[in-house]
Protein backbone atom coordinates (compact mmCIF):
# COMPACT_ATOMS: atom_id res chain seq x y z
CA MET A 1 118.63 97.81 123.53
CA THR A 2 118.57 100.38 120.72
CA VAL A 3 119.22 99.58 117.08
CA ALA A 4 122.63 101.28 117.35
CA GLY A 5 123.45 99.23 120.41
CA LEU A 6 122.33 96.09 118.61
CA SER A 7 124.64 96.88 115.69
CA LYS A 8 127.59 97.19 118.06
CA SER A 9 126.64 93.92 119.74
CA CYS A 10 126.54 92.18 116.37
CA SER A 11 129.96 93.54 115.47
CA SER A 12 131.44 92.28 118.73
CA LEU A 13 129.82 88.89 118.43
CA ASN A 14 130.91 88.55 114.83
CA LYS A 15 134.54 88.69 115.96
CA MET A 16 133.89 85.99 118.55
CA PHE A 17 131.79 83.72 116.34
CA LYS A 18 132.92 84.42 112.79
CA HIS A 19 131.23 81.45 111.14
CA LYS A 20 128.04 81.98 113.19
CA LYS A 21 127.55 85.60 112.25
CA ILE A 22 124.22 85.08 110.57
CA VAL A 23 122.61 83.14 113.40
CA VAL A 24 123.85 85.43 116.18
CA CYS A 25 122.69 88.65 114.53
CA PHE A 26 119.43 87.06 113.46
CA LEU A 27 118.59 86.13 117.04
CA LEU A 28 119.55 89.56 118.35
CA TYR A 29 117.36 91.29 115.79
CA LEU A 30 114.49 88.94 116.58
CA ASN A 31 114.73 89.75 120.29
CA LEU A 32 114.74 93.46 119.53
CA TYR A 33 111.56 93.19 117.48
CA PHE A 34 109.75 91.42 120.28
CA LEU A 35 110.87 94.08 122.76
CA ASN A 36 109.69 96.89 120.49
CA ALA A 37 106.36 95.17 119.86
CA LYS A 38 105.74 94.66 123.57
CA ALA A 39 106.57 98.26 124.44
CA GLN A 40 102.94 99.25 123.86
CA VAL A 41 100.09 97.09 125.10
CA ALA A 42 97.67 96.05 122.37
CA ASN A 43 94.99 94.17 124.34
CA TYR A 44 94.69 95.36 127.94
CA ILE A 45 92.70 92.28 128.94
CA ALA A 46 95.05 89.70 130.40
CA ASN A 47 94.53 86.16 129.10
CA GLY A 48 91.51 87.25 127.09
CA SER A 49 91.02 83.82 125.53
CA PHE A 50 91.27 81.86 128.83
CA GLU A 51 94.06 79.74 127.34
CA GLU A 52 96.55 80.27 130.18
CA TYR A 53 95.92 78.24 133.33
CA TYR A 54 97.97 76.96 136.25
CA ASP A 55 97.20 73.24 136.04
CA CYS A 56 94.47 70.67 135.38
CA ASN A 57 94.34 69.20 138.88
CA VAL A 58 91.10 70.94 139.86
CA PRO A 59 88.75 70.56 136.89
CA HIS A 60 86.83 73.66 135.79
CA ALA A 61 87.96 75.87 138.72
CA LEU A 62 87.96 79.52 137.61
CA ARG A 63 90.79 80.29 140.02
CA LYS A 64 93.03 78.05 137.93
CA VAL A 65 92.70 80.47 134.98
CA LYS A 66 95.43 83.10 135.02
CA SER A 67 94.28 86.72 135.54
CA TRP A 68 90.61 85.73 136.06
CA LEU A 69 88.53 85.31 139.22
CA SER A 70 85.05 85.95 140.52
CA ILE A 71 84.54 89.31 142.25
CA ASP A 72 86.22 87.79 145.27
CA SER A 73 88.03 84.49 145.73
CA ILE A 74 85.12 82.57 147.26
CA SER A 75 82.02 83.65 145.31
CA TYR A 76 80.79 81.90 142.17
CA GLY A 77 82.25 83.31 138.97
CA GLY A 78 81.91 80.52 136.46
CA GLN A 79 83.73 77.44 135.25
CA HIS A 80 86.68 76.89 132.94
CA VAL A 81 85.89 74.65 129.96
CA SER A 82 88.96 73.34 128.19
CA THR A 83 90.67 70.50 126.39
CA CYS A 84 92.75 70.46 129.57
CA TYR A 85 89.83 68.60 131.22
CA ASN A 86 88.55 66.91 128.03
CA THR A 87 85.38 69.02 128.17
CA VAL A 88 85.70 70.59 124.72
CA PRO A 89 83.41 70.40 122.87
CA LEU A 90 81.14 68.35 125.18
CA PHE A 91 80.56 69.84 128.62
CA GLY A 92 77.63 68.23 130.42
CA ASN A 93 74.55 68.77 128.29
CA SER A 94 76.21 71.50 126.22
CA TYR A 95 78.21 71.06 123.01
CA GLN A 96 80.40 74.00 121.98
CA TYR A 97 83.81 74.70 120.49
CA PRO A 98 85.76 77.77 121.68
CA LYS A 99 85.72 80.96 119.61
CA SER A 100 89.49 80.47 119.34
CA GLY A 101 92.06 78.21 120.94
CA ASN A 102 91.14 75.40 123.32
CA SER A 103 89.28 77.05 126.19
CA TYR A 104 86.42 79.30 127.24
CA VAL A 105 84.49 80.11 130.42
CA ILE A 106 80.85 79.36 131.20
CA CYS A 107 78.95 81.46 133.76
CA THR A 108 75.36 81.58 135.02
CA ILE A 109 74.48 85.25 134.56
CA PHE A 110 70.70 84.89 134.91
CA ASN A 111 68.97 82.56 137.34
CA SER A 112 65.54 83.88 138.30
CA GLY A 113 65.34 84.38 142.04
CA GLN A 114 68.75 82.76 142.54
CA GLY A 115 72.37 83.96 142.35
CA ARG A 116 74.42 84.92 139.36
CA GLY A 117 78.10 85.10 138.57
CA TYR A 118 80.52 87.76 137.31
CA LEU A 119 83.95 87.40 135.72
CA LYS A 120 86.73 89.70 136.98
CA ASN A 121 89.97 90.38 135.09
CA ARG A 122 93.08 92.19 136.33
CA LEU A 123 94.14 94.29 133.36
CA LYS A 124 97.71 94.15 132.08
CA GLN A 125 98.00 97.88 132.79
CA ASN A 126 95.70 100.63 134.01
CA LEU A 127 93.86 102.36 131.19
CA LYS A 128 95.05 105.81 130.14
CA LEU A 129 93.22 109.02 130.99
CA GLY A 130 91.28 110.44 128.04
CA LYS A 131 92.01 107.52 125.73
CA THR A 132 89.17 105.92 123.77
CA TYR A 133 89.08 102.13 124.00
CA CYS A 134 87.47 99.57 121.74
CA VAL A 135 86.00 96.71 123.78
CA LYS A 136 84.79 93.36 122.49
CA PHE A 137 83.83 90.01 123.94
CA TYR A 138 82.06 86.99 122.46
CA ILE A 139 79.15 85.09 123.99
CA ASN A 140 77.24 81.92 123.23
CA ILE A 141 74.20 80.60 125.10
CA SER A 142 74.68 77.07 126.44
CA ASP A 143 72.45 74.39 124.89
CA TYR A 144 70.66 73.56 128.12
CA SER A 145 69.75 77.16 129.07
CA THR A 146 66.02 77.74 129.17
CA TYR A 147 66.11 81.42 128.21
CA GLY A 148 68.00 83.83 126.03
CA ILE A 149 68.36 87.37 127.38
CA ASP A 150 69.66 90.86 126.56
CA GLY A 151 71.58 91.67 129.77
CA PHE A 152 75.27 91.55 128.85
CA GLY A 153 77.85 94.17 129.78
CA ILE A 154 81.43 94.86 130.80
CA PHE A 155 82.47 97.37 133.43
CA PHE A 156 85.94 98.86 133.92
CA GLY A 157 86.72 100.06 137.42
CA ASP A 158 89.28 100.68 140.14
CA ASN A 159 89.94 99.05 143.51
CA ASN A 160 86.35 99.68 144.59
CA ILE A 161 85.47 96.44 142.84
CA ASP A 162 87.26 94.68 145.70
CA THR A 163 84.87 96.25 148.22
CA ILE A 164 81.77 94.54 146.78
CA THR A 165 80.32 92.18 149.40
CA ASN A 166 77.11 90.90 147.75
CA CYS A 167 78.97 89.22 144.93
CA ASN A 168 76.24 87.04 143.41
CA THR A 169 73.34 89.50 143.28
CA PRO A 170 72.22 91.92 140.56
CA LEU A 171 74.79 94.74 140.80
CA THR A 172 72.42 97.36 139.46
CA TYR A 173 74.47 100.28 140.80
CA ILE A 174 77.30 99.35 138.42
CA ILE A 175 76.89 100.93 134.99
CA PRO A 176 78.89 99.02 132.36
CA GLN A 177 80.66 101.23 129.85
CA VAL A 178 80.01 98.71 127.07
CA LYS A 179 76.82 96.67 126.95
CA ASN A 180 74.39 94.87 124.71
CA PRO A 181 71.46 97.16 123.79
CA LEU A 182 68.30 96.51 125.79
CA GLY A 183 65.82 94.52 123.74
CA ASN A 184 68.54 92.96 121.61
CA LEU A 185 67.85 89.36 122.59
CA ILE A 186 70.71 86.91 122.24
CA SER A 187 69.64 83.27 122.09
CA ASP A 188 72.17 81.69 119.71
CA THR A 189 73.39 78.35 121.03
CA LEU A 190 75.48 77.59 117.92
CA ASN A 191 77.45 80.69 116.92
CA TRP A 192 79.58 83.10 118.93
CA VAL A 193 78.02 86.57 119.06
CA SER A 194 80.12 89.69 119.64
CA ILE A 195 79.31 92.48 122.09
CA THR A 196 81.34 95.55 121.20
CA GLY A 197 81.56 99.26 121.88
CA THR A 198 83.84 102.15 122.82
CA PHE A 199 84.32 104.36 125.86
CA VAL A 200 86.70 107.04 127.15
CA ALA A 201 88.79 106.02 130.17
CA ASN A 202 89.30 108.15 133.28
CA GLY A 203 92.70 106.60 133.99
CA SER A 204 91.79 104.70 137.18
CA GLU A 205 90.53 101.52 135.53
CA LYS A 206 92.53 98.46 136.54
CA TYR A 207 89.84 95.74 136.52
CA ALA A 208 87.23 94.53 134.05
CA LEU A 209 83.99 92.96 135.28
CA ILE A 210 81.76 91.01 132.86
CA GLY A 211 78.20 89.96 133.59
CA ASN A 212 74.55 90.90 133.82
CA PHE A 213 73.96 94.11 135.80
CA ILE A 214 70.17 94.26 135.33
CA LEU A 215 67.42 93.20 137.73
CA ASP A 216 65.61 89.99 136.77
CA GLY A 217 62.34 91.85 136.23
CA ALA A 218 63.95 94.42 133.95
CA LEU A 219 65.50 91.86 131.60
CA THR A 220 64.05 90.99 128.23
CA SER A 221 64.05 87.22 127.81
CA THR A 222 62.85 84.58 125.38
CA LEU A 223 62.24 80.88 125.86
CA ILE A 224 64.74 78.78 123.87
CA ASN A 225 64.64 75.38 125.59
CA SER A 226 61.69 73.96 127.56
CA SER A 227 63.49 70.75 128.55
CA PHE A 228 64.60 72.12 131.90
CA LEU A 229 61.50 74.11 132.83
CA PRO A 230 60.34 75.27 135.32
CA LEU A 231 63.95 76.42 135.85
CA VAL A 232 64.51 79.91 134.43
CA PHE A 233 68.18 80.54 133.73
CA SER A 234 70.87 81.44 131.21
CA ASP A 235 74.27 79.81 131.29
CA VAL A 236 76.53 81.78 128.97
CA ASN A 237 79.85 80.89 127.36
CA PHE A 238 82.44 83.70 127.15
CA ASP A 239 85.55 83.88 124.97
CA ASP A 240 88.00 86.27 123.29
CA VAL A 241 87.72 89.37 125.49
CA SER A 242 89.65 92.45 124.36
CA CYS A 243 90.11 96.11 125.21
CA MET A 244 92.31 98.14 122.84
CA ASP A 245 93.20 101.78 122.29
CA VAL A 246 91.42 102.81 119.08
CA ASP A 247 94.46 104.95 118.19
CA LEU A 248 96.96 102.12 118.65
CA PRO A 249 99.59 102.51 115.89
CA ALA A 250 99.82 99.64 113.46
CA PHE A 251 103.06 97.71 113.93
CA ALA A 252 104.61 95.60 111.20
CA GLY A 253 108.03 95.57 112.83
CA ASN A 254 111.36 97.14 111.99
CA ASP A 255 113.08 96.32 108.72
CA THR A 256 114.90 93.06 109.28
CA VAL A 257 116.83 90.28 107.59
CA CYS A 258 116.02 86.68 106.87
CA VAL A 259 118.51 84.03 105.84
CA PRO A 260 117.00 82.15 102.86
CA GLY A 261 115.66 78.82 104.03
CA THR A 262 114.77 80.15 107.50
CA SER A 263 111.91 82.21 108.92
CA VAL A 264 111.60 85.55 110.73
CA TYR A 265 108.73 86.89 112.85
CA ILE A 266 107.23 90.25 111.89
CA GLY A 267 104.63 92.35 113.69
CA ARG A 268 103.41 92.23 117.28
CA PRO A 269 103.10 89.19 119.53
CA ARG A 270 99.77 87.52 118.86
CA ASP A 271 96.88 88.16 121.22
CA VAL A 272 93.09 88.16 121.28
CA GLY A 273 91.51 91.19 119.65
CA ILE A 274 94.59 92.51 117.92
CA ASP A 275 94.83 89.29 115.89
CA GLU A 276 91.33 89.81 114.60
CA ALA A 277 92.13 93.46 113.81
CA CYS A 278 95.14 92.77 111.57
CA SER A 279 95.41 91.61 107.97
CA TRP A 280 98.71 91.09 106.16
CA TYR A 281 99.67 91.53 102.52
CA GLN A 282 102.88 90.94 100.58
CA LEU A 283 103.67 93.46 97.86
CA PRO A 284 102.94 93.80 95.04
CA ASN A 285 99.71 91.96 95.96
CA THR A 286 97.46 94.17 98.08
CA THR A 287 94.22 92.23 97.60
CA SER A 288 94.99 88.72 98.85
CA VAL A 289 95.38 88.42 102.62
CA ILE A 290 98.31 86.16 103.56
CA ALA A 291 97.59 86.13 107.32
CA THR A 292 95.11 87.44 109.87
CA ALA A 293 97.07 87.98 113.08
CA ALA A 294 99.02 90.65 114.94
CA GLY A 295 102.23 89.06 113.68
CA ASN A 296 103.37 86.06 111.70
CA TRP A 297 106.38 84.10 110.51
CA VAL A 298 107.56 84.71 106.95
CA SER A 299 110.18 82.91 104.85
CA PRO A 300 110.93 85.10 101.80
CA VAL A 301 113.42 83.84 99.22
CA THR A 302 113.95 87.37 97.90
CA THR A 303 113.78 90.76 99.61
CA SER A 304 110.10 91.37 100.28
CA THR A 305 107.83 94.10 101.67
CA TYR A 306 104.91 93.21 103.91
CA ILE A 307 102.00 95.45 104.82
CA VAL A 308 99.71 95.13 107.83
CA ARG A 309 96.25 96.68 107.83
CA GLN A 310 94.86 97.22 111.33
CA GLU A 311 91.23 98.12 112.02
CA ILE A 312 90.10 98.78 115.61
CA CYS A 313 86.44 99.81 115.92
CA GLY A 314 86.52 101.33 112.44
CA ASN A 315 89.85 103.15 112.90
CA ILE A 316 92.18 101.92 110.14
CA LYS A 317 95.97 102.18 110.29
CA TRP A 318 98.77 100.73 108.15
CA ASP A 319 102.42 99.85 108.58
CA THR A 320 105.09 98.19 106.45
CA VAL A 321 108.22 96.16 107.00
CA VAL A 322 110.97 95.18 104.58
CA VAL A 323 112.53 91.75 105.04
CA VAL A 324 115.92 91.56 103.34
CA ALA A 325 116.63 88.04 102.14
CA THR A 326 120.38 87.79 102.68
CA GLY A 327 122.96 86.04 104.80
CA LEU A 328 124.89 89.25 105.41
CA GLY A 329 122.43 91.17 107.55
CA LEU A 330 121.30 94.76 107.07
CA PHE A 331 123.73 96.96 105.20
CA GLU A 332 125.72 99.33 107.38
CA GLY A 333 123.75 102.49 108.04
CA ASP A 334 120.49 100.93 106.84
CA GLU A 335 119.01 100.31 110.27
CA PRO A 336 115.67 102.08 110.82
CA ASP A 337 115.54 105.19 112.99
CA THR A 338 112.43 105.36 115.17
CA ARG A 339 112.75 109.16 115.42
CA PHE A 340 111.92 109.48 111.73
CA LYS A 341 108.24 108.81 110.95
CA ILE A 342 106.22 109.03 107.75
CA TYR A 343 102.45 109.05 107.26
CA PRO A 344 100.44 107.44 105.81
CA GLN A 345 101.78 104.00 104.94
CA PRO A 346 101.02 103.07 102.19
CA ALA A 347 101.01 106.60 100.76
CA LYS A 348 99.15 107.94 97.76
CA ASP A 349 99.64 111.59 96.73
CA GLU A 350 101.11 113.33 99.78
CA LEU A 351 103.48 112.24 102.50
CA LEU A 352 103.93 113.77 105.94
CA LEU A 353 107.46 113.55 107.37
CA GLU A 354 108.14 113.93 111.08
CA ILE A 355 111.46 113.95 112.94
CA GLU A 356 111.48 113.97 116.72
CA GLY A 357 114.21 115.71 118.69
CA SER A 358 116.09 117.22 115.76
CA SER A 359 118.24 120.31 116.42
CA THR A 360 117.77 121.64 112.89
CA SER A 361 114.87 122.35 110.53
CA LEU A 362 116.77 122.20 107.23
CA PHE A 363 117.37 118.82 105.59
CA GLN A 364 118.68 117.48 102.32
CA LEU A 365 116.10 114.99 101.02
CA LYS A 366 116.93 112.15 98.65
CA LEU A 367 114.40 109.70 97.21
CA TYR A 368 115.45 106.40 95.61
CA ASN A 369 113.50 103.66 93.85
CA ASN A 370 113.87 100.00 94.84
CA LEU A 371 116.81 99.64 92.42
CA GLY A 372 118.76 102.38 94.17
CA VAL A 373 118.25 104.97 91.40
CA LEU A 374 118.08 108.56 92.72
CA LEU A 375 114.72 110.04 91.68
CA ARG A 376 114.63 113.29 93.65
CA GLU A 377 117.01 115.52 95.58
CA GLU A 378 115.97 118.76 97.24
CA GLU A 379 116.28 120.93 100.33
CA LEU A 380 113.40 120.57 102.74
CA ASN A 381 112.38 122.92 105.55
CA PHE A 382 110.57 121.45 108.55
CA THR A 383 108.08 123.40 110.66
CA ASN A 384 107.48 122.09 114.17
CA GLN A 385 109.49 119.00 113.19
CA LYS A 386 107.10 118.24 110.31
CA ALA A 387 107.12 118.65 106.52
CA LEU A 388 104.69 117.70 103.74
CA ILE A 389 105.87 116.55 100.30
CA ASN A 390 104.00 115.79 97.10
CA ILE A 391 104.50 112.27 95.74
CA SER A 392 101.67 112.18 93.21
CA ASP A 393 104.23 111.53 90.45
CA LEU A 394 105.41 108.28 91.99
CA ALA A 395 104.19 104.94 90.68
CA ASN A 396 103.14 102.11 92.94
CA GLY A 397 106.11 100.47 94.58
CA VAL A 398 108.71 100.60 97.34
CA TYR A 399 111.03 103.59 97.74
CA ALA A 400 113.76 104.71 100.10
CA LEU A 401 113.81 108.15 101.74
CA SER A 402 116.89 109.67 103.31
CA LEU A 403 117.33 112.98 105.12
CA LYS A 404 120.70 114.53 105.87
CA THR A 405 121.48 117.50 108.13
CA SER A 406 124.37 119.96 107.87
CA LYS A 407 125.95 118.03 110.76
CA ASN A 408 126.00 114.88 108.62
CA GLU A 409 123.18 113.23 110.58
CA TRP A 410 121.19 110.70 108.56
CA TYR A 411 117.56 109.58 108.83
CA LYS A 412 116.24 106.75 106.64
CA LYS A 413 112.88 105.17 106.04
CA ARG A 414 111.19 102.86 103.53
CA LEU A 415 108.15 104.24 101.69
CA VAL A 416 105.37 102.23 100.05
CA VAL A 417 103.21 103.94 97.41
CA GLN A 418 99.87 102.34 96.63
CA LYS A 419 97.21 104.25 94.63
């Protein structure tokens, strides 16, 4: 449903439920925001925190974890550790809390002269050709492991993964796109350690495979626990696996309304990786973080502007959302138009305007402060649907931009200036 369609739906429902106008429109707007947020995948790894499972009837079975398996359905791939089975934090001789949530997976990825396991994930969608992806997963060596090692990697591949027959052997012919540097020994049995990196996709990747792809003799290892010698092995805990487009736009949500005394959700649905990448602020404060998540519930008592800062492998993007504290909904004509985009947000000295699909290049620009006072009015020519304006004279704050064509078409957007 588009914003225009939503407005019509609200009008119709208002006639049917006059005294429930606020609730009906609020719910419709909320649904629209979730649909918009889900339109673009943030984390391509499905169930990256191992929180979703089918049931607790078969303790620790990896096949009970949604979207995860071993390379095939019968080989060893690891075990699910969860509060579901009362094995968090104590699981056998190992004591560990998850990186986040209530679950993680443990897998033997090094067992000298014996087998080893791999974790396979069916991605939410195939990766996109030519896109650069930021990949991260967290590991922790189990307390009873005798050795710490350096052989950790994640491979993204196509259906050929399903043709692997020797599923518990060193898969040295597989070259992981993201891996721990050789010689970088990981032996921490207390803290979660991140493995991260970037790669460019070829567009065929539909699976992720995590494990140790190095021959036993080529591994660098270090003794960390002699209690179980002469066994030589590493049981490794895995949690919070993510794969995200480094150019993913930040998403704070569309401008919305909130009835005082209630809450409204802003931003994307929460998920592993993107939660860690996002920090929220409420203007005028841009130094104190109010939440670290892809999205969050807010309950403003007055109209408020929220800013999300998103950093994916060093690539920083911003977005803003205005939450109008009122019981009347958005004012007529004040709904955001997704065809009209402005960069950057927050802005400093210059602002790039972009309008997609416009039939004209000449616009009448008006700029208002947050009190509705007209500050600037001018004609603006667009080239290739883009125009650059100077805003170095504007003080920090929230402003409203409107563009009007000769055909009486309107485009509106909120602007945040922060210097």
